[in-house]
Each structure stands twice: as structure tokens, then as C-alpha cells.
Amino acid sequence: MIAPACETGKRGWPLERVLFAMAGTVTLVSVLLIAMVSPWFLILTAFVGINQWLFVAFGACPASLVLSRIFGLRSGLSGSIESAEGAQ
């Protein structure tokens, strides 16, 4: 049997997948709000982009801290980089 690529040892999605889903949802909602309510909702889109860059640069953003502490989500990439280096 072949194991799924993003298996984390527990059932459910890894932290990165949840963050991408949240960022995409908030971005799409902000686009709808920009079109229908006010262009000031561009600030919401900028906030999402800033948080994505925080996660890229530092490995954590406010949403990732909340998700890991409250919901117990763990990174799906933490072990895959080390195991890929060991296989070479």
C-alpha cells in the first residue's frame, strides 16, 4: 500500500494546507467585498499577503500560532525535508 504524500501520522490536514485554505478563502471574500462594498477592503487582502510572507520568512504567522496552539495542528513539512536529505 502506498502512503499519501501529506500524511502526518494523524488524521486531518497539516498546518500548511489549512493556512493555504484560510488565506485563499479570506482573499476571495475580500475580493467580493472590494467589488460590492468598498475598496477599503484591500487592506484585508494586504493583511493576508503580509501574513503569508511572515510564514515564509520566519516559519510562523499569527494564524499558524493560533492553529497550532488551539487546534493542535502540526507542520506536514517538518519531517519530509530531513527524510529527503537522509535519502540522498
Foldseek 3Di string as FASTA:
>chain_A
DDDDPQDDPDPDHALVVVLVVVLVVQLVVLVVCCVPPHVVSVVSNVVSVVQVVCCVVPVHGVVSVCCCVPVVHHHSCPVVVVVVVVVD
